[in-house]
Amino acid sequence: MTTEIVEIGTVSSRGQIAIPSGIREEMGLEEGNKILFVLEQDTLLVKKVTTETFASLTKPLREAKKKIEEKDVVNLIHRLRK
């Protein structure tokens, strides 16, 4: 993207936000595309998820999976719930 676009949206009673058409067009967003939401303090980042970004996001999980043995899963779940 080369253009900076600033738009204001409104949250509906169901918590839905419409992405303004100019931003949808610039990002190439279409019905069914996946979106990643990242909240850091009072800033919400919205990122289009592509095959490449999904692969890079899930890489740490796939690598961790190789290091976890089945016998460790129950203890890991209990630790994460705390």
PDB file of N, CA and C in Angstrom:
ATOM      1  N   MET A   1       0.839  -1.182   0.000  1.00  0.00           N
ATOM      2  CA  MET A   1       0.000   0.000   0.000  1.00  0.00           C
ATOM      3  C   MET A   1       0.883   1.243   0.000  1.00  0.00           C
ATOM      4  N   THR A   2       0.500   2.178  -0.752  1.00  0.00           N
ATOM      5  CA  THR A   2       1.280   3.399  -0.837  1.00  0.00           C
ATOM      6  C   THR A   2       0.540   4.605  -0.283  1.00  0.00           C
ATOM      7  N   THR A   3      -0.743   4.493  -0.105  1.00  0.00           N
ATOM      8  CA  THR A   3      -1.562   5.624   0.301  1.00  0.00           C
ATOM      9  C   THR A   3      -1.966   5.489   1.757  1.00  0.00           C
ATOM     10  N   GLU A   4      -1.907   6.596   2.492  1.00  0.00           N
ATOM     11  CA  GLU A   4      -2.423   6.596   3.859  1.00  0.00           C
ATOM     12  C   GLU A   4      -3.892   6.968   3.796  1.00  0.00           C
ATOM     13  N   ILE A   5      -4.732   6.135   4.378  1.00  0.00           N
ATOM     14  CA  ILE A   5      -6.173   6.388   4.391  1.00  0.00           C
ATOM     15  C   ILE A   5      -6.615   6.424   5.847  1.00  0.00           C
ATOM     16  N   VAL A   6      -7.319   7.457   6.223  1.00  0.00           N
ATOM     17  CA  VAL A   6      -7.845   7.578   7.576  1.00  0.00           C
ATOM     18  C   VAL A   6      -9.365   7.656   7.465  1.00  0.00           C
ATOM     19  N   GLU A   7     -10.044   6.748   8.133  1.00  0.00           N
ATOM     20  CA  GLU A   7     -11.512   6.710   8.102  1.00  0.00           C
ATOM     21  C   GLU A   7     -12.022   6.494   9.519  1.00  0.00           C
ATOM     22  N   ILE A   8     -13.258   6.845   9.774  1.00  0.00           N
ATOM     23  CA  ILE A   8     -13.907   6.608  11.055  1.00  0.00           C
ATOM     24  C   ILE A   8     -15.068   5.658  10.818  1.00  0.00           C
ATOM     25  N   GLY A   9     -15.179   4.644  11.671  1.00  0.00           N
ATOM     26  CA  GLY A   9     -16.280   3.691  11.600  1.00  0.00           C
ATOM     27  C   GLY A   9     -17.093   3.759  12.879  1.00  0.00           C
ATOM     28  N   THR A  10     -18.152   3.007  12.923  1.00  0.00           N
ATOM     29  CA  THR A  10     -19.031   2.946  14.086  1.00  0.00           C
ATOM     30  C   THR A  10     -19.244   1.484  14.468  1.00  0.00           C
ATOM     31  N   VAL A  11     -19.220   1.216  15.755  1.00  0.00           N
ATOM     32  CA  VAL A  11     -19.468  -0.129  16.247  1.00  0.00           C
ATOM     33  C   VAL A  11     -20.972  -0.310  16.393  1.00  0.00           C
ATOM     34  N   SER A  12     -21.515  -1.399  15.828  1.00  0.00           N
ATOM     35  CA  SER A  12     -22.949  -1.673  15.922  1.00  0.00           C
ATOM     36  C   SER A  12     -23.285  -2.263  17.293  1.00  0.00           C
ATOM     37  N   SER A  13     -24.563  -2.416  17.559  1.00  0.00           N
ATOM     38  CA  SER A  13     -25.005  -2.998  18.832  1.00  0.00           C
ATOM     39  C   SER A  13     -24.537  -4.443  18.979  1.00  0.00           C
ATOM     40  N   ARG A  14     -24.214  -5.088  17.871  1.00  0.00           N
ATOM     41  CA  ARG A  14     -23.711  -6.475  17.901  1.00  0.00           C
ATOM     42  C   ARG A  14     -22.185  -6.527  17.892  1.00  0.00           C
ATOM     43  N   GLY A  15     -21.522  -5.363  18.004  1.00  0.00           N
ATOM     44  CA  GLY A  15     -20.065  -5.316  18.041  1.00  0.00           C
ATOM     45  C   GLY A  15     -19.416  -5.395  16.676  1.00  0.00           C
ATOM     46  N   GLN A  16     -20.194  -5.191  15.635  1.00  0.00           N
ATOM     47  CA  GLN A  16     -19.656  -5.270  14.284  1.00  0.00           C
ATOM     48  C   GLN A  16     -19.196  -3.898  13.802  1.00  0.00           C
ATOM     49  N   ILE A  17     -18.126  -3.908  12.996  1.00  0.00           N
ATOM     50  CA  ILE A  17     -17.605  -2.685  12.409  1.00  0.00           C
ATOM     51  C   ILE A  17     -17.497  -2.902  10.903  1.00  0.00           C
ATOM     52  N   ALA A  18     -18.044  -1.977  10.130  1.00  0.00           N
ATOM     53  CA  ALA A  18     -17.906  -2.050   8.674  1.00  0.00           C
ATOM     54  C   ALA A  18     -16.580  -1.402   8.293  1.00  0.00           C
ATOM     55  N   ILE A  19     -15.792  -2.088   7.480  1.00  0.00           N
ATOM     56  CA  ILE A  19     -14.537  -1.528   6.988  1.00  0.00           C
ATOM     57  C   ILE A  19     -14.891  -0.625   5.808  1.00  0.00           C
ATOM     58  N   PRO A  20     -14.503   0.647   5.875  1.00  0.00           N
ATOM     59  CA  PRO A  20     -14.848   1.576   4.793  1.00  0.00           C
ATOM     60  C   PRO A  20     -14.400   1.051   3.428  1.00  0.00           C
ATOM     61  N   SER A  21     -15.198   1.340   2.396  1.00  0.00           N
ATOM     62  CA  SER A  21     -14.958   0.785   1.061  1.00  0.00           C
ATOM     63  C   SER A  21     -13.581   1.134   0.510  1.00  0.00           C
ATOM     64  N   GLY A  22     -13.097   2.350   0.750  1.00  0.00           N
ATOM     65  CA  GLY A  22     -11.777   2.734   0.247  1.00  0.00           C
ATOM     66  C   GLY A  22     -10.666   1.881   0.836  1.00  0.00           C
ATOM     67  N   ILE A  23     -10.799   1.540   2.113  1.00  0.00           N
ATOM     68  CA  ILE A  23      -9.799   0.687   2.768  1.00  0.00           C
ATOM     69  C   ILE A  23      -9.926  -0.743   2.262  1.00  0.00           C
ATOM     70  N   ARG A  24     -11.167  -1.238   2.113  1.00  0.00           N
ATOM     71  CA  ARG A  24     -11.368  -2.596   1.571  1.00  0.00           C
ATOM     72  C   ARG A  24     -10.745  -2.725   0.201  1.00  0.00           C
ATOM     73  N   GLU A  25     -10.961  -1.724  -0.635  1.00  0.00           N
ATOM     74  CA  GLU A  25     -10.415  -1.767  -2.001  1.00  0.00           C
ATOM     75  C   GLU A  25      -8.891  -1.727  -1.983  1.00  0.00           C
ATOM     76  N   GLU A  26      -8.310  -0.835  -1.184  1.00  0.00           N
ATOM     77  CA  GLU A  26      -6.849  -0.697  -1.110  1.00  0.00           C
ATOM     78  C   GLU A  26      -6.188  -1.984  -0.613  1.00  0.00           C
ATOM     79  N   MET A  27      -6.856  -2.668   0.337  1.00  0.00           N
ATOM     80  CA  MET A  27      -6.297  -3.906   0.900  1.00  0.00           C
ATOM     81  C   MET A  27      -6.698  -5.145   0.102  1.00  0.00           C
ATOM     82  N   GLY A  28      -7.595  -4.981  -0.844  1.00  0.00           N
ATOM     83  CA  GLY A  28      -8.059  -6.133  -1.615  1.00  0.00           C
ATOM     84  C   GLY A  28      -8.898  -7.089  -0.779  1.00  0.00           C
ATOM     85  N   LEU A  29      -9.640  -6.548   0.182  1.00  0.00           N
ATOM     86  CA  LEU A  29     -10.471  -7.381   1.057  1.00  0.00           C
ATOM     87  C   LEU A  29     -11.765  -7.761   0.355  1.00  0.00           C
ATOM     88  N   GLU A  30     -12.103  -9.030   0.465  1.00  0.00           N
ATOM     89  CA  GLU A  30     -13.336  -9.541  -0.117  1.00  0.00           C
ATOM     90  C   GLU A  30     -14.063 -10.378   0.921  1.00  0.00           C
ATOM     91  N   GLU A  31     -15.319 -10.636   0.676  1.00  0.00           N
ATOM     92  CA  GLU A  31     -16.113 -11.464   1.583  1.00  0.00           C
ATOM     93  C   GLU A  31     -15.399 -12.799   1.823  1.00  0.00           C
ATOM     94  N   GLY A  32     -15.303 -13.177   3.074  1.00  0.00           N
ATOM     95  CA  GLY A  32     -14.681 -14.443   3.430  1.00  0.00           C
ATOM     96  C   GLY A  32     -13.208 -14.338   3.793  1.00  0.00           C
ATOM     97  N   ASN A  33     -12.567 -13.188   3.483  1.00  0.00           N
ATOM     98  CA  ASN A  33     -11.165 -13.019   3.880  1.00  0.00           C
ATOM     99  C   ASN A  33     -11.053 -13.052   5.398  1.00  0.00           C
ATOM    100  N   LYS A  34      -9.926 -13.522   5.900  1.00  0.00           N
ATOM    101  CA  LYS A  34      -9.662 -13.572   7.335  1.00  0.00           C
ATOM    102  C   LYS A  34      -8.910 -12.317   7.754  1.00  0.00           C
ATOM    103  N   ILE A  35      -9.217 -11.840   8.955  1.00  0.00           N
ATOM    104  CA  ILE A  35      -8.616 -10.636   9.501  1.00  0.00           C
ATOM    105  C   ILE A  35      -8.065 -10.965  10.887  1.00  0.00           C
ATOM    106  N   LEU A  36      -6.877 -10.457  11.181  1.00  0.00           N
ATOM    107  CA  LEU A  36      -6.245 -10.629  12.482  1.00  0.00           C
ATOM    108  C   LEU A  36      -6.404  -9.332  13.258  1.00  0.00           C
ATOM    109  N   PHE A  37      -6.833  -9.431  14.512  1.00  0.00           N
ATOM    110  CA  PHE A  37      -6.961  -8.269  15.379  1.00  0.00           C
ATOM    111  C   PHE A  37      -5.908  -8.368  16.470  1.00  0.00           C
ATOM    112  N   VAL A  38      -5.130  -7.296  16.659  1.00  0.00           N
ATOM    113  CA  VAL A  38      -4.115  -7.250  17.711  1.00  0.00           C
ATOM    114  C   VAL A  38      -4.390  -6.003  18.544  1.00  0.00           C
ATOM    115  N   LEU A  39      -4.603  -6.207  19.853  1.00  0.00           N
ATOM    116  CA  LEU A  39      -4.870  -5.096  20.756  1.00  0.00           C
ATOM    117  C   LEU A  39      -3.640  -4.858  21.615  1.00  0.00           C
ATOM    118  N   GLU A  40      -3.133  -3.621  21.575  1.00  0.00           N
ATOM    119  CA  GLU A  40      -2.000  -3.238  22.414  1.00  0.00           C
ATOM    120  C   GLU A  40      -2.361  -1.920  23.076  1.00  0.00           C
ATOM    121  N   GLN A  41      -2.624  -1.991  24.377  1.00  0.00           N
ATOM    122  CA  GLN A  41      -3.115  -0.860  25.160  1.00  0.00           C
ATOM    123  C   GLN A  41      -4.369  -0.303  24.502  1.00  0.00           C
ATOM    124  N   ASP A  42      -4.353   0.934  24.009  1.00  0.00           N
ATOM    125  CA  ASP A  42      -5.564   1.499  23.417  1.00  0.00           C
ATOM    126  C   ASP A  42      -5.517   1.535  21.892  1.00  0.00           C
ATOM    127  N   THR A  43      -4.640   0.706  21.304  1.00  0.00           N
ATOM    128  CA  THR A  43      -4.501   0.667  19.852  1.00  0.00           C
ATOM    129  C   THR A  43      -4.916  -0.700  19.327  1.00  0.00           C
ATOM    130  N   LEU A  44      -5.801  -0.703  18.346  1.00  0.00           N
ATOM    131  CA  LEU A  44      -6.250  -1.937  17.712  1.00  0.00           C
ATOM    132  C   LEU A  44      -5.672  -1.988  16.309  1.00  0.00           C
ATOM    133  N   LEU A  45      -4.898  -3.022  16.036  1.00  0.00           N
ATOM    134  CA  LEU A  45      -4.304  -3.229  14.716  1.00  0.00           C
ATOM    135  C   LEU A  45      -5.129  -4.284  13.996  1.00  0.00           C
ATOM    136  N   VAL A  46      -5.485  -4.011  12.759  1.00  0.00           N
ATOM    137  CA  VAL A  46      -6.254  -4.945  11.940  1.00  0.00           C
ATOM    138  C   VAL A  46      -5.374  -5.314  10.754  1.00  0.00           C
ATOM    139  N   LYS A  47      -5.135  -6.611  10.558  1.00  0.00           N
ATOM    140  CA  LYS A  47      -4.246  -7.065   9.496  1.00  0.00           C
ATOM    141  C   LYS A  47      -4.935  -8.142   8.674  1.00  0.00           C
ATOM    142  N   LYS A  48      -4.829  -8.018   7.369  1.00  0.00           N
ATOM    143  CA  LYS A  48      -5.365  -9.044   6.475  1.00  0.00           C
ATOM    144  C   LYS A  48      -4.501 -10.292   6.610  1.00  0.00           C
ATOM    145  N   VAL A  49      -5.148 -11.429   6.770  1.00  0.00           N
ATOM    146  CA  VAL A  49      -4.427 -12.690   6.885  1.00  0.00           C
ATOM    147  C   VAL A  49      -4.390 -13.350   5.519  1.00  0.00           C
ATOM    148  N   THR A  50      -3.185 -13.575   5.024  1.00  0.00           N
ATOM    149  CA  THR A  50      -2.995 -14.278   3.762  1.00  0.00           C
ATOM    150  C   THR A  50      -2.369 -15.627   4.080  1.00  0.00           C
ATOM    151  N   THR A  51      -2.188 -16.442   3.086  1.00  0.00           N
ATOM    152  CA  THR A  51      -1.534 -17.735   3.288  1.00  0.00           C
ATOM    153  C   THR A  51      -0.149 -17.530   3.894  1.00  0.00           C
ATOM    154  N   GLU A  52       0.566 -16.508   3.417  1.00  0.00           N
ATOM    155  CA  GLU A  52       1.920 -16.246   3.908  1.00  0.00           C
ATOM    156  C   GLU A  52       1.899 -15.754   5.349  1.00  0.00           C
ATOM    157  N   THR A  53       1.006 -14.810   5.674  1.00  0.00           N
ATOM    158  CA  THR A  53       0.983 -14.302   7.045  1.00  0.00           C
ATOM    159  C   THR A  53       0.487 -15.371   8.006  1.00  0.00           C
ATOM    160  N   PHE A  54      -0.455 -16.206   7.585  1.00  0.00           N
ATOM    161  CA  PHE A  54      -0.941 -17.281   8.445  1.00  0.00           C
ATOM    162  C   PHE A  54       0.195 -18.257   8.741  1.00  0.00           C
ATOM    163  N   ALA A  55       0.990 -18.587   7.744  1.00  0.00           N
ATOM    164  CA  ALA A  55       2.118 -19.499   7.938  1.00  0.00           C
ATOM    165  C   ALA A  55       3.124 -18.912   8.923  1.00  0.00           C
ATOM    166  N   SER A  56       3.412 -17.612   8.799  1.00  0.00           N
ATOM    167  CA  SER A  56       4.388 -17.009   9.713  1.00  0.00           C
ATOM    168  C   SER A  56       3.822 -16.873  11.120  1.00  0.00           C
ATOM    169  N   LEU A  57       2.510 -16.642  11.250  1.00  0.00           N
ATOM    170  CA  LEU A  57       1.885 -16.537  12.570  1.00  0.00           C
ATOM    171  C   LEU A  57       1.853 -17.878  13.294  1.00  0.00           C
ATOM    172  N   THR A  58       1.635 -18.930  12.551  1.00  0.00           N
ATOM    173  CA  THR A  58       1.495 -20.245  13.180  1.00  0.00           C
ATOM    174  C   THR A  58       2.812 -21.005  13.283  1.00  0.00           C
ATOM    175  N   LYS A  59       3.885 -20.485  12.703  1.00  0.00           N
ATOM    176  CA  LYS A  59       5.177 -21.164  12.739  1.00  0.00           C
ATOM    177  C   LYS A  59       5.626 -21.476  14.169  1.00  0.00           C
ATOM    178  N   PRO A  60       5.570 -20.497  15.115  1.00  0.00           N
ATOM    179  CA  PRO A  60       5.981 -20.836  16.483  1.00  0.00           C
ATOM    180  C   PRO A  60       5.153 -21.955  17.102  1.00  0.00           C
ATOM    181  N   LEU A  61       3.863 -22.014  16.765  1.00  0.00           N
ATOM    182  CA  LEU A  61       3.013 -23.080  17.296  1.00  0.00           C
ATOM    183  C   LEU A  61       3.404 -24.432  16.715  1.00  0.00           C
ATOM    184  N   ARG A  62       3.692 -24.463  15.416  1.00  0.00           N
ATOM    185  CA  ARG A  62       4.105 -25.718  14.786  1.00  0.00           C
ATOM    186  C   ARG A  62       5.443 -26.194  15.344  1.00  0.00           C
ATOM    187  N   GLU A  63       6.361 -25.250  15.586  1.00  0.00           N
ATOM    188  CA  GLU A  63       7.665 -25.614  16.138  1.00  0.00           C
ATOM    189  C   GLU A  63       7.534 -26.094  17.577  1.00  0.00           C
ATOM    190  N   ALA A  64       6.672 -25.450  18.362  1.00  0.00           N
ATOM    191  CA  ALA A  64       6.460 -25.857  19.748  1.00  0.00           C
ATOM    192  C   ALA A  64       5.832 -27.243  19.808  1.00  0.00           C
ATOM    193  N   LYS A  65       4.961 -27.531  18.852  1.00  0.00           N
ATOM    194  CA  LYS A  65       4.291 -28.832  18.815  1.00  0.00           C
ATOM    195  C   LYS A  65       5.311 -29.961  18.717  1.00  0.00           C
ATOM    196  N   LYS A  66       6.378 -29.737  17.973  1.00  0.00           N
ATOM    197  CA  LYS A  66       7.403 -30.759  17.805  1.00  0.00           C
ATOM    198  C   LYS A  66       8.121 -31.047  19.115  1.00  0.00           C
ATOM    199  N   LYS A  67       8.151 -30.065  20.027  1.00  0.00           N
ATOM    200  CA  LYS A  67       8.885 -30.194  21.278  1.00  0.00           C
ATOM    201  C   LYS A  67       8.028 -30.734  22.414  1.00  0.00           C
ATOM    202  N   ILE A  68       6.702 -30.752  22.238  1.00  0.00           N
ATOM    203  CA  ILE A  68       5.786 -31.191  23.283  1.00  0.00           C
ATOM    204  C   ILE A  68       5.427 -32.652  23.061  1.00  0.00           C
ATOM    205  N   GLU A  69       5.570 -33.431  24.126  1.00  0.00           N
ATOM    206  CA  GLU A  69       5.167 -34.834  24.056  1.00  0.00           C
ATOM    207  C   GLU A  69       3.769 -34.978  24.626  1.00  0.00           C
ATOM    208  N   GLU A  70       3.077 -36.003  24.215  1.00  0.00           N
ATOM    209  CA  GLU A  70       1.697 -36.209  24.625  1.00  0.00           C
ATOM    210  C   GLU A  70       1.561 -36.227  26.145  1.00  0.00           C
ATOM    211  N   LYS A  71       2.508 -36.808  26.833  1.00  0.00           N
ATOM    212  CA  LYS A  71       2.434 -36.911  28.288  1.00  0.00           C
ATOM    213  C   LYS A  71       2.508 -35.541  28.971  1.00  0.00           C
ATOM    214  N   ASP A  72       3.008 -34.527  28.282  1.00  0.00           N
ATOM    215  CA  ASP A  72       3.153 -33.190  28.854  1.00  0.00           C
ATOM    216  C   ASP A  72       1.912 -32.307  28.673  1.00  0.00           C
ATOM    217  N   VAL A  73       0.978 -32.728  27.850  1.00  0.00           N
ATOM    218  CA  VAL A  73      -0.160 -31.885  27.477  1.00  0.00           C
ATOM    219  C   VAL A  73      -1.025 -31.516  28.684  1.00  0.00           C
ATOM    220  N   VAL A  74      -1.367 -32.471  29.540  1.00  0.00           N
ATOM    221  CA  VAL A  74      -2.242 -32.187  30.686  1.00  0.00           C
ATOM    222  C   VAL A  74      -1.593 -31.160  31.610  1.00  0.00           C
ATOM    223  N   ASN A  75      -0.311 -31.335  31.918  1.00  0.00           N
ATOM    224  CA  ASN A  75       0.382 -30.377  32.780  1.00  0.00           C
ATOM    225  C   ASN A  75       0.446 -29.003  32.129  1.00  0.00           C
ATOM    226  N   LEU A  76       0.659 -28.951  30.830  1.00  0.00           N
ATOM    227  CA  LEU A  76       0.719 -27.691  30.112  1.00  0.00           C
ATOM    228  C   LEU A  76      -0.625 -26.963  30.173  1.00  0.00           C
ATOM    229  N   ILE A  77      -1.707 -27.691  30.006  1.00  0.00           N
ATOM    230  CA  ILE A  77      -3.059 -27.095  30.082  1.00  0.00           C
ATOM    231  C   ILE A  77      -3.301 -26.501  31.466  1.00  0.00           C
ATOM    232  N   HIS A  78      -2.927 -27.238  32.503  1.00  0.00           N
ATOM    233  CA  HIS A  78      -3.123 -26.734  33.865  1.00  0.00           C
ATOM    234  C   HIS A  78      -2.298 -25.489  34.130  1.00  0.00           C
ATOM    235  N   ARG A  79      -1.063 -25.461  33.634  1.00  0.00           N
ATOM    236  CA  ARG A  79      -0.211 -24.293  33.796  1.00  0.00           C
ATOM    237  C   ARG A  79      -0.787 -23.077  33.082  1.00  0.00           C
ATOM    238  N   LEU A  80      -1.280 -23.272  31.871  1.00  0.00           N
ATOM    239  CA  LEU A  80      -1.839 -22.165  31.095  1.00  0.00           C
ATOM    240  C   LEU A  80      -3.136 -21.629  31.690  1.00  0.00           C
ATOM    241  N   ARG A  81      -3.912 -22.483  32.334  1.00  0.00           N
ATOM    242  CA  ARG A  81      -5.165 -22.046  32.943  1.00  0.00           C
ATOM    243  C   ARG A  81      -4.919 -21.167  34.162  1.00  0.00           C
ATOM    244  N   LYS A  82      -3.772 -21.353  34.823  1.00  0.00           N
ATOM    245  CA  LYS A  82      -3.438 -20.518  35.991  1.00  0.00           C
ATOM    246  C   LYS A  82      -3.147 -19.166  35.514  1.00  0.00           C
TER     247      LYS A  82
END
